[in-house]
Amino acid sequence: MLWIDQKYLNLLSPKLERFKRKSDNLYNCRCPVCGDSKKNKFKARGYVYNVKNSLAYKCHNCGFSGGLGKLIEQVDPGLHNQYKMERFKENGHRSSNTEAKFVYKPDFSEYKKKDPLDSVQRIKDLPFFSNPVQYIVKRQIPMEIARELCYVDNIQKLEDLFPEYKNRLIGKEERILIPCYTRDKKLIGLTCRGINNDRLRYVTIKAIKDHPLVFGLDKVDISKEIYVLEGPIDSMFVDNSISVGGSDFKRIANFAAKEMFTMVYDNQPRNKELLDTMERSIEDGYRVVIWPDNIKEKDVNEMILAGKTKDEVLHIINSNACSNLTAKLKFKEWRKINA
């Protein structure tokens, strides 16, 4: 099958920026999934290479990897359909039988469904130049997280999956769906992010009415320090973090020991409601980040978009997290300076 992969890589190559052949069956290009470096247009960290008589792809920036077909699907869905057909025909020609054999396998998928999102489109299955994928790229959301997000082209379609929201979802805008799961992988609900300057940036849908809508709960390691952020997108840039979808961090008070949490509020020192919430957290003994004066961005995602790396942001967070008397003094000074 190597010759087919080589043929379709050649057809795809005009759409791959800075594409070049490095050696036999080793090719290099700028990654079309993450866009590679925004600062250095000469960076090219995507590689196509030979694995067991087929070509595979891996980006050493975002980690996107898989067979050549996976790359083609991201860049050119039409070419991907041709590629699949030719691979299918070649498989048939290689068979020792003159007719293809089809083995009936019962489909029990409908009975296995427990997650309403099983029938919803995944970001990873959408074309690279579609609106939701381009939104992901624009916000520089890590691809390993973005691939797990979902998408709906009309939010009212969710009424079929969540009947209790019948006639409650206003508008027909497309939205990226950020699913929140319990520790045992049950769907808590959705944060639905608008991507076209919609009237409501976020719409929330609850699948478990009495459970707080916490993003990242199913993946966080409770034996390590847990960073608690307001927005789910901000939390995607901080390892071992969760988001409570707002500033009410007391929603997670019983989730782990108080000493395990670092509260990372948005950098909005003129927001009275936020200041009151921060002050209560400090009084309750939580470790809270007091942003230094040289940080002008209002949240973690803005810091990333301004050019800071994930490691730099984490360093700023850890360097400015404090509790008890130190937190009270720093908070008082920070509040006064920014008044």
C-alpha atoms as a PDB file:
ATOM      1  CA  MET A   1       0.000   0.000   0.000  1.00  0.00           C
ATOM      2  CA  LEU A   2       3.058   2.257   0.185  1.00  0.00           C
ATOM      3  CA  TRP A   3       2.756   3.297  -3.457  1.00  0.00           C
ATOM      4  CA  ILE A   4      -0.821   4.525  -2.883  1.00  0.00           C
ATOM      5  CA  ASP A   5       0.269   6.549   0.143  1.00  0.00           C
ATOM      6  CA  GLN A   6       3.137   8.069  -1.858  1.00  0.00           C
ATOM      7  CA  LYS A   7       0.742   8.940  -4.689  1.00  0.00           C
ATOM      8  CA  TYR A   8      -1.727  10.719  -2.406  1.00  0.00           C
ATOM      9  CA  LEU A   9       0.975  12.467  -0.423  1.00  0.00           C
ATOM     10  CA  ASN A  10       2.187  13.880  -3.736  1.00  0.00           C
ATOM     11  CA  LEU A  11      -1.373  15.053  -4.531  1.00  0.00           C
ATOM     12  CA  LEU A  12      -1.700  16.605  -1.078  1.00  0.00           C
ATOM     13  CA  SER A  13       1.728  18.255  -0.990  1.00  0.00           C
ATOM     14  CA  PRO A  14       0.742  21.565  -2.697  1.00  0.00           C
ATOM     15  CA  LYS A  15      -1.549  22.216   0.286  1.00  0.00           C
ATOM     16  CA  LEU A  16       1.195  21.524   2.856  1.00  0.00           C
ATOM     17  CA  GLU A  17       3.205  24.624   3.690  1.00  0.00           C
ATOM     18  CA  ARG A  18       7.013  24.260   3.391  1.00  0.00           C
ATOM     19  CA  PHE A  19       6.634  20.662   2.242  1.00  0.00           C
ATOM     20  CA  LYS A  20       9.877  18.926   1.265  1.00  0.00           C
ATOM     21  CA  ARG A  21      11.397  15.486   1.027  1.00  0.00           C
ATOM     22  CA  LYS A  22      14.119  14.865   3.605  1.00  0.00           C
ATOM     23  CA  SER A  23      15.128  11.339   2.522  1.00  0.00           C
ATOM     24  CA  ASP A  24      13.537   8.096   1.279  1.00  0.00           C
ATOM     25  CA  ASN A  25       9.997   8.031   2.692  1.00  0.00           C
ATOM     26  CA  LEU A  26      10.663  10.899   5.119  1.00  0.00           C
ATOM     27  CA  TYR A  27       8.942  14.220   4.470  1.00  0.00           C
ATOM     28  CA  ASN A  28       8.639  17.454   6.393  1.00  0.00           C
ATOM     29  CA  CYS A  29       6.085  20.312   6.453  1.00  0.00           C
ATOM     30  CA  ARG A  30       4.452  22.903   8.671  1.00  0.00           C
ATOM     31  CA  CYS A  31       1.654  21.205  10.578  1.00  0.00           C
ATOM     32  CA  PRO A  32      -1.734  22.003   8.974  1.00  0.00           C
ATOM     33  CA  VAL A  33      -3.547  21.004  12.174  1.00  0.00           C
ATOM     34  CA  CYS A  34      -1.958  23.407  14.689  1.00  0.00           C
ATOM     35  CA  GLY A  35      -0.377  25.801  12.190  1.00  0.00           C
ATOM     36  CA  ASP A  36       3.034  25.280  13.803  1.00  0.00           C
ATOM     37  CA  SER A  37       4.853  28.330  15.217  1.00  0.00           C
ATOM     38  CA  LYS A  38       3.048  31.665  14.929  1.00  0.00           C
ATOM     39  CA  LYS A  39       6.261  33.621  15.502  1.00  0.00           C
ATOM     40  CA  ASN A  40       8.583  31.677  13.215  1.00  0.00           C
ATOM     41  CA  LYS A  41       7.166  31.034   9.724  1.00  0.00           C
ATOM     42  CA  PHE A  42      10.108  28.758   8.933  1.00  0.00           C
ATOM     43  CA  LYS A  43       9.329  26.278  11.687  1.00  0.00           C
ATOM     44  CA  ALA A  44       8.187  22.941  10.253  1.00  0.00           C
ATOM     45  CA  ARG A  45       7.537  20.224  12.827  1.00  0.00           C
ATOM     46  CA  GLY A  46       5.219  17.919  10.917  1.00  0.00           C
ATOM     47  CA  TYR A  47       6.751  14.695   9.585  1.00  0.00           C
ATOM     48  CA  VAL A  48       5.500  11.981   7.232  1.00  0.00           C
ATOM     49  CA  TYR A  49       7.406   8.721   7.531  1.00  0.00           C
ATOM     50  CA  ASN A  50       7.259   5.025   6.622  1.00  0.00           C
ATOM     51  CA  VAL A  51       5.701   2.515   9.044  1.00  0.00           C
ATOM     52  CA  LYS A  52       5.104  -1.097   7.965  1.00  0.00           C
ATOM     53  CA  ASN A  53       4.776  -0.356   4.256  1.00  0.00           C
ATOM     54  CA  SER A  54       2.476   2.643   4.802  1.00  0.00           C
ATOM     55  CA  LEU A  55       2.999   6.327   5.522  1.00  0.00           C
ATOM     56  CA  ALA A  56       2.192   7.907   8.872  1.00  0.00           C
ATOM     57  CA  TYR A  57       2.162  11.493  10.149  1.00  0.00           C
ATOM     58  CA  LYS A  58       3.204  13.122  13.423  1.00  0.00           C
ATOM     59  CA  CYS A  59       3.502  16.756  14.513  1.00  0.00           C
ATOM     60  CA  HIS A  60       6.178  17.378  17.138  1.00  0.00           C
ATOM     61  CA  ASN A  61       4.439  20.594  18.171  1.00  0.00           C
ATOM     62  CA  CYS A  62       0.789  19.665  18.861  1.00  0.00           C
ATOM     63  CA  GLY A  63       1.175  15.874  18.960  1.00  0.00           C
ATOM     64  CA  PHE A  64      -1.387  15.189  16.208  1.00  0.00           C
ATOM     65  CA  SER A  65      -0.520  11.773  14.734  1.00  0.00           C
ATOM     66  CA  GLY A  66      -1.881   8.822  12.795  1.00  0.00           C
ATOM     67  CA  GLY A  67      -1.892   7.232   9.358  1.00  0.00           C
ATOM     68  CA  LEU A  68      -1.585   9.338   6.227  1.00  0.00           C
ATOM     69  CA  GLY A  69      -5.362   9.149   5.742  1.00  0.00           C
ATOM     70  CA  LYS A  70      -5.866  11.022   9.005  1.00  0.00           C
ATOM     71  CA  LEU A  71      -3.718  13.893   7.702  1.00  0.00           C
ATOM     72  CA  ILE A  72      -5.463  13.940   4.313  1.00  0.00           C
ATOM     73  CA  GLU A  73      -8.867  14.040   6.044  1.00  0.00           C
ATOM     74  CA  GLN A  74      -7.864  17.154   7.991  1.00  0.00           C
ATOM     75  CA  VAL A  75      -6.584  19.037   4.935  1.00  0.00           C
ATOM     76  CA  ASP A  76      -8.721  17.838   1.999  1.00  0.00           C
ATOM     77  CA  PRO A  77     -11.847  15.734   2.766  1.00  0.00           C
ATOM     78  CA  GLY A  78     -12.578  15.284  -0.952  1.00  0.00           C
ATOM     79  CA  LEU A  79      -9.147  13.820  -1.609  1.00  0.00           C
ATOM     80  CA  HIS A  80      -9.582  11.674   1.500  1.00  0.00           C
ATOM     81  CA  ASN A  81     -12.665  10.023  -0.039  1.00  0.00           C
ATOM     82  CA  GLN A  82     -10.644   9.157  -3.178  1.00  0.00           C
ATOM     83  CA  TYR A  83      -7.812   7.846  -1.006  1.00  0.00           C
ATOM     84  CA  LYS A  84     -10.138   5.557   0.967  1.00  0.00           C
ATOM     85  CA  MET A  85     -11.693   4.206  -2.221  1.00  0.00           C
ATOM     86  CA  GLU A  86      -8.337   3.406  -3.808  1.00  0.00           C
ATOM     87  CA  ARG A  87      -7.087   1.716  -0.652  1.00  0.00           C
ATOM     88  CA  PHE A  88     -10.295  -0.329  -0.558  1.00  0.00           C
ATOM     89  CA  LYS A  89      -9.876  -1.408  -4.188  1.00  0.00           C
ATOM     90  CA  GLU A  90      -6.248  -2.329  -3.613  1.00  0.00           C
ATOM     91  CA  ASN A  91      -7.202  -4.465  -0.630  1.00  0.00           C
ATOM     92  CA  GLY A  92      -9.717  -6.267  -2.851  1.00  0.00           C
ATOM     93  CA  HIS A  93      -7.122  -6.939  -5.537  1.00  0.00           C
ATOM     94  CA  ARG A  94      -4.754  -8.390  -3.001  1.00  0.00           C
ATOM     95  CA  SER A  95      -7.358 -10.835  -1.729  1.00  0.00           C
ATOM     96  CA  SER A  96      -6.972 -14.443  -2.818  1.00  0.00           C
ATOM     97  CA  ASN A  97     -10.735 -14.663  -3.323  1.00  0.00           C
ATOM     98  CA  THR A  98     -12.445 -13.411  -6.448  1.00  0.00           C
ATOM     99  CA  GLU A  99     -15.346 -12.016  -4.450  1.00  0.00           C
ATOM    100  CA  ALA A 100     -15.237 -10.016  -1.282  1.00  0.00           C
ATOM    101  CA  LYS A 101     -16.526 -11.854   1.753  1.00  0.00           C
ATOM    102  CA  PHE A 102     -18.796  -9.967   4.144  1.00  0.00           C
ATOM    103  CA  VAL A 103     -19.257 -11.273   7.652  1.00  0.00           C
ATOM    104  CA  TYR A 104     -22.420 -10.227   9.430  1.00  0.00           C
ATOM    105  CA  LYS A 105     -21.778  -8.676  12.803  1.00  0.00           C
ATOM    106  CA  PRO A 106     -24.745  -7.541  14.874  1.00  0.00           C
ATOM    107  CA  ASP A 107     -24.666  -3.842  15.702  1.00  0.00           C
ATOM    108  CA  PHE A 108     -25.313  -3.349  19.381  1.00  0.00           C
ATOM    109  CA  SER A 109     -24.143   0.283  19.412  1.00  0.00           C
ATOM    110  CA  GLU A 110     -27.634   1.636  20.058  1.00  0.00           C
ATOM    111  CA  TYR A 111     -27.897  -0.482  23.195  1.00  0.00           C
ATOM    112  CA  LYS A 112     -24.492   0.578  24.462  1.00  0.00           C
ATOM    113  CA  LYS A 113     -25.136   4.291  24.237  1.00  0.00           C
ATOM    114  CA  LYS A 114     -25.106   6.024  27.588  1.00  0.00           C
ATOM    115  CA  ASP A 115     -23.700   9.406  26.603  1.00  0.00           C
ATOM    116  CA  PRO A 116     -26.101  11.704  24.670  1.00  0.00           C
ATOM    117  CA  LEU A 117     -23.041  13.052  22.845  1.00  0.00           C
ATOM    118  CA  ASP A 118     -22.432   9.763  21.048  1.00  0.00           C
ATOM    119  CA  SER A 119     -24.520  11.092  18.156  1.00  0.00           C
ATOM    120  CA  VAL A 120     -22.909  14.562  18.068  1.00  0.00           C
ATOM    121  CA  GLN A 121     -20.082  15.570  15.734  1.00  0.00           C
ATOM    122  CA  ARG A 122     -16.582  15.612  17.206  1.00  0.00           C
ATOM    123  CA  ILE A 123     -14.122  18.403  16.479  1.00  0.00           C
ATOM    124  CA  LYS A 124     -11.571  15.807  15.365  1.00  0.00           C
ATOM    125  CA  ASP A 125     -13.911  14.679  12.553  1.00  0.00           C
ATOM    126  CA  LEU A 126     -14.453  18.157  11.064  1.00  0.00           C
ATOM    127  CA  PRO A 127     -12.506  19.633   8.108  1.00  0.00           C
ATOM    128  CA  PHE A 128      -9.552  21.779   9.098  1.00  0.00           C
ATOM    129  CA  PHE A 129     -10.958  24.939   7.505  1.00  0.00           C
ATOM    130  CA  SER A 130     -14.419  24.641   9.080  1.00  0.00           C
ATOM    131  CA  ASN A 131     -15.567  27.399  11.470  1.00  0.00           C
ATOM    132  CA  PRO A 132     -15.204  25.436  14.724  1.00  0.00           C
ATOM    133  CA  VAL A 133     -11.740  24.094  13.908  1.00  0.00           C
ATOM    134  CA  GLN A 134     -10.544  27.539  12.870  1.00  0.00           C
ATOM    135  CA  TYR A 135     -11.911  28.911  16.159  1.00  0.00           C
ATOM    136  CA  ILE A 136      -9.870  26.270  18.003  1.00  0.00           C
ATOM    137  CA  VAL A 137      -6.759  27.226  16.027  1.00  0.00           C
ATOM    138  CA  LYS A 138      -7.346  30.951  16.608  1.00  0.00           C
ATOM    139  CA  ARG A 139      -7.609  30.440  20.363  1.00  0.00           C
ATOM    140  CA  GLN A 140      -4.516  28.145  20.241  1.00  0.00           C
ATOM    141  CA  ILE A 141      -6.358  25.465  22.202  1.00  0.00           C
ATOM    142  CA  PRO A 142      -4.118  22.364  22.528  1.00  0.00           C
ATOM    143  CA  MET A 143      -5.142  19.827  19.905  1.00  0.00           C
ATOM    144  CA  GLU A 144      -5.025  16.873  22.295  1.00  0.00           C
ATOM    145  CA  ILE A 145      -7.849  18.560  24.244  1.00  0.00           C
ATOM    146  CA  ALA A 146      -9.678  20.091  21.274  1.00  0.00           C
ATOM    147  CA  ARG A 147     -10.076  16.651  19.675  1.00  0.00           C
ATOM    148  CA  GLU A 148     -12.337  15.622  22.573  1.00  0.00           C
ATOM    149  CA  LEU A 149     -14.695  18.571  22.142  1.00  0.00           C
ATOM    150  CA  CYS A 150     -17.933  18.398  20.158  1.00  0.00           C
ATOM    151  CA  TYR A 151     -19.813  20.613  17.735  1.00  0.00           C
ATOM    152  CA  VAL A 152     -23.387  21.356  16.733  1.00  0.00           C
ATOM    153  CA  ASP A 153     -24.368  23.563  13.795  1.00  0.00           C
ATOM    154  CA  ASN A 154     -27.676  24.540  15.426  1.00  0.00           C
ATOM    155  CA  ILE A 155     -27.956  24.624  19.207  1.00  0.00           C
ATOM    156  CA  GLN A 156     -31.664  23.774  19.034  1.00  0.00           C
ATOM    157  CA  LYS A 157     -30.709  20.271  17.884  1.00  0.00           C
ATOM    158  CA  LEU A 158     -29.628  19.623  21.460  1.00  0.00           C
ATOM    159  CA  GLU A 159     -33.283  19.728  22.506  1.00  0.00           C
ATOM    160  CA  ASP A 160     -33.635  16.240  20.997  1.00  0.00           C
ATOM    161  CA  LEU A 161     -30.800  14.952  23.192  1.00  0.00           C
ATOM    162  CA  PHE A 162     -31.917  16.816  26.315  1.00  0.00           C
ATOM    163  CA  PRO A 163     -35.772  16.826  26.207  1.00  0.00           C
ATOM    164  CA  GLU A 164     -36.020  18.855  29.416  1.00  0.00           C
ATOM    165  CA  TYR A 165     -34.607  21.802  27.427  1.00  0.00           C
ATOM    166  CA  LYS A 166     -37.403  21.671  24.835  1.00  0.00           C
ATOM    167  CA  ASN A 167     -38.231  25.224  23.655  1.00  0.00           C
ATOM    168  CA  ARG A 168     -35.641  26.659  26.058  1.00  0.00           C
ATOM    169  CA  LEU A 169     -32.697  26.987  23.658  1.00  0.00           C
ATOM    170  CA  ILE A 170     -33.106  30.290  21.844  1.00  0.00           C
ATOM    171  CA  GLY A 171     -31.488  30.962  18.457  1.00  0.00           C
ATOM    172  CA  LYS A 172     -30.019  28.624  15.882  1.00  0.00           C
ATOM    173  CA  GLU A 173     -26.315  29.451  16.132  1.00  0.00           C
ATOM    174  CA  GLU A 174     -23.493  26.914  15.802  1.00  0.00           C
ATOM    175  CA  ARG A 175     -21.571  26.146  18.968  1.00  0.00           C
ATOM    176  CA  ILE A 176     -18.574  24.229  20.242  1.00  0.00           C
ATOM    177  CA  LEU A 177     -19.650  21.849  22.998  1.00  0.00           C
ATOM    178  CA  ILE A 178     -17.387  21.439  26.015  1.00  0.00           C
ATOM    179  CA  PRO A 179     -18.557  18.301  27.878  1.00  0.00           C
ATOM    180  CA  CYS A 180     -18.144  17.946  31.637  1.00  0.00           C
ATOM    181  CA  TYR A 181     -17.920  14.463  33.162  1.00  0.00           C
ATOM    182  CA  THR A 182     -17.947  13.048  36.674  1.00  0.00           C
ATOM    183  CA  ARG A 183     -15.004  11.092  38.043  1.00  0.00           C
ATOM    184  CA  ASP A 184     -16.625   7.896  36.751  1.00  0.00           C
ATOM    185  CA  LYS A 185     -17.168   9.347  33.243  1.00  0.00           C
ATOM    186  CA  LYS A 186     -20.878  10.176  33.455  1.00  0.00           C
ATOM    187  CA  LEU A 187     -21.954  13.288  31.580  1.00  0.00           C
ATOM    188  CA  ILE A 188     -22.688  16.174  33.956  1.00  0.00           C
ATOM    189  CA  GLY A 189     -23.590  18.621  31.230  1.00  0.00           C
ATOM    190  CA  LEU A 190     -22.309  20.946  28.522  1.00  0.00           C
ATOM    191  CA  THR A 191     -20.806  24.368  28.222  1.00  0.00           C
ATOM    192  CA  CYS A 192     -21.834  25.533  24.737  1.00  0.00           C
ATOM    193  CA  ARG A 193     -19.412  28.185  23.426  1.00  0.00           C
ATOM    194  CA  GLY A 194     -20.556  30.543  20.691  1.00  0.00           C
ATOM    195  CA  ILE A 195     -18.038  31.116  17.900  1.00  0.00           C
ATOM    196  CA  ASN A 196     -19.654  33.907  15.881  1.00  0.00           C
ATOM    197  CA  ASN A 197     -19.983  36.797  18.370  1.00  0.00           C
ATOM    198  CA  ASP A 198     -23.304  35.382  19.524  1.00  0.00           C
ATOM    199  CA  ARG A 199     -25.480  37.309  21.974  1.00  0.00           C
ATOM    200  CA  LEU A 200     -24.742  34.734  24.654  1.00  0.00           C
ATOM    201  CA  ARG A 201     -21.126  33.594  24.635  1.00  0.00           C
ATOM    202  CA  TYR A 202     -21.927  30.597  26.818  1.00  0.00           C
ATOM    203  CA  VAL A 203     -25.047  28.466  27.187  1.00  0.00           C
ATOM    204  CA  THR A 204     -25.031  25.702  29.797  1.00  0.00           C
ATOM    205  CA  ILE A 205     -26.982  22.461  29.679  1.00  0.00           C
ATOM    206  CA  LYS A 206     -27.209  20.119  32.666  1.00  0.00           C
ATOM    207  CA  ALA A 207     -27.563  16.350  32.330  1.00  0.00           C
ATOM    208  CA  ILE A 208     -27.249  15.779  36.108  1.00  0.00           C
ATOM    209  CA  LYS A 209     -29.286  18.541  37.703  1.00  0.00           C
ATOM    210  CA  ASP A 210     -27.722  18.634  41.185  1.00  0.00           C
ATOM    211  CA  HIS A 211     -24.076  18.131  40.191  1.00  0.00           C
ATOM    212  CA  PRO A 212     -21.842  21.224  39.757  1.00  0.00           C
ATOM    213  CA  LEU A 213     -20.804  21.761  36.139  1.00  0.00           C
ATOM    214  CA  VAL A 214     -17.064  21.180  36.515  1.00  0.00           C
ATOM    215  CA  PHE A 215     -14.840  20.701  33.463  1.00  0.00           C
ATOM    216  CA  GLY A 216     -11.836  18.365  33.815  1.00  0.00           C
ATOM    217  CA  LEU A 217     -13.104  16.470  36.834  1.00  0.00           C
ATOM    218  CA  ASP A 218     -12.713  13.113  35.066  1.00  0.00           C
ATOM    219  CA  LYS A 219      -9.016  13.657  34.288  1.00  0.00           C
ATOM    220  CA  VAL A 220      -7.558  15.578  37.217  1.00  0.00           C
ATOM    221  CA  ASP A 221      -5.155  13.791  39.581  1.00  0.00           C
ATOM    222  CA  ILE A 222      -6.410  14.538  43.088  1.00  0.00           C
ATOM    223  CA  SER A 223      -3.109  13.394  44.639  1.00  0.00           C
ATOM    224  CA  LYS A 224      -1.360  16.409  43.064  1.00  0.00           C
ATOM    225  CA  GLU A 225      -1.887  20.153  43.242  1.00  0.00           C
ATOM    226  CA  ILE A 226      -5.157  21.092  41.521  1.00  0.00           C
ATOM    227  CA  TYR A 227      -5.489  24.412  39.731  1.00  0.00           C
ATOM    228  CA  VAL A 228      -9.030  25.785  39.714  1.00  0.00           C
ATOM    229  CA  LEU A 229      -9.903  28.272  36.973  1.00  0.00           C
ATOM    230  CA  GLU A 230     -13.059  30.107  35.983  1.00  0.00           C
ATOM    231  CA  GLY A 231     -13.356  29.347  32.268  1.00  0.00           C
ATOM    232  CA  PRO A 232     -13.022  25.887  30.713  1.00  0.00           C
ATOM    233  CA  ILE A 233     -10.915  27.219  27.821  1.00  0.00           C
ATOM    234  CA  ASP A 234      -8.452  28.815  30.262  1.00  0.00           C
ATOM    235  CA  SER A 235      -8.125  25.507  32.115  1.00  0.00           C
ATOM    236  CA  MET A 236      -7.064  23.792  28.870  1.00  0.00           C
ATOM    237  CA  PHE A 237      -3.687  25.545  29.127  1.00  0.00           C
ATOM    238  CA  VAL A 238      -2.941  24.525  32.722  1.00  0.00           C
ATOM    239  CA  ASP A 239      -2.082  20.901  33.487  1.00  0.00           C
ATOM    240  CA  ASN A 240      -4.017  19.144  36.264  1.00  0.00           C
ATOM    241  CA  SER A 241      -6.678  21.806  36.360  1.00  0.00           C
ATOM    242  CA  ILE A 242     -10.452  22.050  36.507  1.00  0.00           C
ATOM    243  CA  SER A 243     -12.912  24.808  35.667  1.00  0.00           C
ATOM    244  CA  VAL A 244     -16.068  25.635  37.588  1.00  0.00           C
ATOM    245  CA  GLY A 245     -17.593  27.696  34.772  1.00  0.00           C
ATOM    246  CA  GLY A 246     -17.620  30.891  36.833  1.00  0.00           C
ATOM    247  CA  SER A 247     -16.155  32.289  40.005  1.00  0.00           C
ATOM    248  CA  ASP A 248     -18.050  30.205  42.588  1.00  0.00           C
ATOM    249  CA  PHE A 249     -15.112  27.998  43.557  1.00  0.00           C
ATOM    250  CA  LYS A 250     -16.899  26.682  46.636  1.00  0.00           C
ATOM    251  CA  ARG A 251     -18.641  24.255  44.294  1.00  0.00           C
ATOM    252  CA  ILE A 252     -15.562  22.038  44.588  1.00  0.00           C
ATOM    253  CA  ALA A 253     -14.984  22.433  48.346  1.00  0.00           C
ATOM    254  CA  ASN A 254     -15.667  18.741  49.096  1.00  0.00           C
ATOM    255  CA  PHE A 255     -13.845  17.363  46.076  1.00  0.00           C
ATOM    256  CA  ALA A 256     -10.377  17.242  47.692  1.00  0.00           C
ATOM    257  CA  ALA A 257      -8.499  18.597  50.707  1.00  0.00           C
ATOM    258  CA  LYS A 258      -8.347  22.395  50.828  1.00  0.00           C
ATOM    259  CA  GLU A 259      -4.542  22.292  50.758  1.00  0.00           C
ATOM    260  CA  MET A 260      -4.597  20.674  47.287  1.00  0.00           C
ATOM    261  CA  PHE A 261      -6.264  23.656  45.558  1.00  0.00           C
ATOM    262  CA  THR A 262      -4.759  26.751  43.962  1.00  0.00           C
ATOM    263  CA  MET A 263      -7.458  29.228  42.984  1.00  0.00           C
ATOM    264  CA  VAL A 264      -6.686  31.000  39.693  1.00  0.00           C
ATOM    265  CA  TYR A 265      -9.216  33.806  39.303  1.00  0.00           C
ATOM    266  CA  ASP A 266      -9.333  36.035  36.236  1.00  0.00           C
ATOM    267  CA  ASN A 267      -7.182  39.148  36.322  1.00  0.00           C
ATOM    268  CA  GLN A 268     -10.058  41.619  36.746  1.00  0.00           C
ATOM    269  CA  PRO A 269      -9.231  43.785  39.780  1.00  0.00           C
ATOM    270  CA  ARG A 270     -12.081  46.212  39.071  1.00  0.00           C
ATOM    271  CA  ASN A 271     -14.767  43.550  39.197  1.00  0.00           C
ATOM    272  CA  LYS A 272     -16.354  43.993  42.637  1.00  0.00           C
ATOM    273  CA  GLU A 273     -18.123  40.624  42.624  1.00  0.00           C
ATOM    274  CA  LEU A 274     -14.857  38.866  41.777  1.00  0.00           C
ATOM    275  CA  LEU A 275     -12.961  40.790  44.464  1.00  0.00           C
ATOM    276  CA  ASP A 276     -15.509  39.763  47.089  1.00  0.00           C
ATOM    277  CA  THR A 277     -15.226  36.117  45.997  1.00  0.00           C
ATOM    278  CA  MET A 278     -11.411  36.223  46.125  1.00  0.00           C
ATOM    279  CA  GLU A 279     -11.507  37.749  49.578  1.00  0.00           C
ATOM    280  CA  ARG A 280     -13.832  35.006  50.839  1.00  0.00           C
ATOM    281  CA  SER A 281     -11.504  32.322  49.437  1.00  0.00           C
ATOM    282  CA  ILE A 282      -8.543  33.892  51.209  1.00  0.00           C
ATOM    283  CA  GLU A 283     -10.536  34.084  54.453  1.00  0.00           C
ATOM    284  CA  ASP A 284     -11.443  30.403  54.045  1.00  0.00           C
ATOM    285  CA  GLY A 285      -7.749  29.512  53.848  1.00  0.00           C
ATOM    286  CA  TYR A 286      -7.397  28.699  50.146  1.00  0.00           C
ATOM    287  CA  ARG A 287      -4.222  29.418  48.190  1.00  0.00           C
ATOM    288  CA  VAL A 288      -5.085  32.214  45.735  1.00  0.00           C
ATOM    289  CA  VAL A 289      -3.163  33.717  42.806  1.00  0.00           C
ATOM    290  CA  ILE A 290      -2.662  37.482  43.081  1.00  0.00           C
ATOM    291  CA  TRP A 291      -1.594  38.545  39.588  1.00  0.00           C
ATOM    292  CA  PRO A 292       1.511  40.780  39.383  1.00  0.00           C
ATOM    293  CA  ASP A 293       1.135  44.312  38.005  1.00  0.00           C
ATOM    294  CA  ASN A 294       3.003  43.501  34.787  1.00  0.00           C
ATOM    295  CA  ILE A 295       0.277  41.065  33.721  1.00  0.00           C
ATOM    296  CA  LYS A 296      -2.268  43.062  31.736  1.00  0.00           C
ATOM    297  CA  GLU A 297      -4.219  40.179  30.148  1.00  0.00           C
ATOM    298  CA  LYS A 298      -7.532  39.352  31.825  1.00  0.00           C
ATOM    299  CA  ASP A 299      -7.217  35.547  31.703  1.00  0.00           C
ATOM    300  CA  VAL A 300      -4.924  32.640  30.868  1.00  0.00           C
ATOM    301  CA  ASN A 301      -6.023  32.298  27.234  1.00  0.00           C
ATOM    302  CA  GLU A 302      -5.246  35.975  26.610  1.00  0.00           C
ATOM    303  CA  MET A 303      -1.773  35.399  28.073  1.00  0.00           C
ATOM    304  CA  ILE A 304      -1.227  32.531  25.635  1.00  0.00           C
ATOM    305  CA  LEU A 305      -2.453  34.652  22.713  1.00  0.00           C
ATOM    306  CA  ALA A 306      -0.076  37.438  23.830  1.00  0.00           C
ATOM    307  CA  GLY A 307       2.852  35.063  23.297  1.00  0.00           C
ATOM    308  CA  LYS A 308       3.403  33.358  26.653  1.00  0.00           C
ATOM    309  CA  THR A 309       3.927  29.601  26.716  1.00  0.00           C
ATOM    310  CA  LYS A 310       2.070  27.142  28.954  1.00  0.00           C
ATOM    311  CA  ASP A 311       5.212  26.757  31.077  1.00  0.00           C
ATOM    312  CA  GLU A 312       5.565  30.516  31.455  1.00  0.00           C
ATOM    313  CA  VAL A 313       1.935  30.876  32.529  1.00  0.00           C
ATOM    314  CA  LEU A 314       2.303  28.046  35.057  1.00  0.00           C
ATOM    315  CA  HIS A 315       5.449  29.676  36.429  1.00  0.00           C
ATOM    316  CA  ILE A 316       3.588  32.987  36.888  1.00  0.00           C
ATOM    317  CA  ILE A 317       0.742  31.169  38.638  1.00  0.00           C
ATOM    318  CA  ASN A 318       3.025  29.265  41.015  1.00  0.00           C
ATOM    319  CA  SER A 319       5.139  32.337  41.739  1.00  0.00           C
ATOM    320  CA  ASN A 320       2.120  34.417  42.731  1.00  0.00           C
ATOM    321  CA  ALA A 321       0.028  31.878  44.646  1.00  0.00           C
ATOM    322  CA  CYS A 322      -0.196  32.575  48.368  1.00  0.00           C
ATOM    323  CA  SER A 323      -2.459  32.014  51.352  1.00  0.00           C
ATOM    324  CA  ASN A 324      -3.339  33.259  54.839  1.00  0.00           C
ATOM    325  CA  LEU A 325      -1.615  36.495  55.971  1.00  0.00           C
ATOM    326  CA  THR A 326       0.581  36.803  52.870  1.00  0.00           C
ATOM    327  CA  ALA A 327      -2.467  36.493  50.631  1.00  0.00           C
ATOM    328  CA  LYS A 328      -4.381  39.086  52.666  1.00  0.00           C
ATOM    329  CA  LEU A 329      -1.563  41.624  52.430  1.00  0.00           C
ATOM    330  CA  LYS A 330      -0.942  41.054  48.707  1.00  0.00           C
ATOM    331  CA  PHE A 331      -4.652  41.149  47.922  1.00  0.00           C
ATOM    332  CA  LYS A 332      -5.106  44.427  49.807  1.00  0.00           C
ATOM    333  CA  GLU A 333      -2.194  46.016  47.932  1.00  0.00           C
ATOM    334  CA  TRP A 334      -3.340  44.636  44.550  1.00  0.00           C
ATOM    335  CA  ARG A 335      -6.850  45.921  45.147  1.00  0.00           C
ATOM    336  CA  LYS A 336      -5.593  49.379  46.121  1.00  0.00           C
ATOM    337  CA  ILE A 337      -3.188  49.739  43.196  1.00  0.00           C
ATOM    338  CA  ASN A 338      -5.864  48.804  40.674  1.00  0.00           C
ATOM    339  CA  ALA A 339      -8.702  50.780  42.258  1.00  0.00           C
END
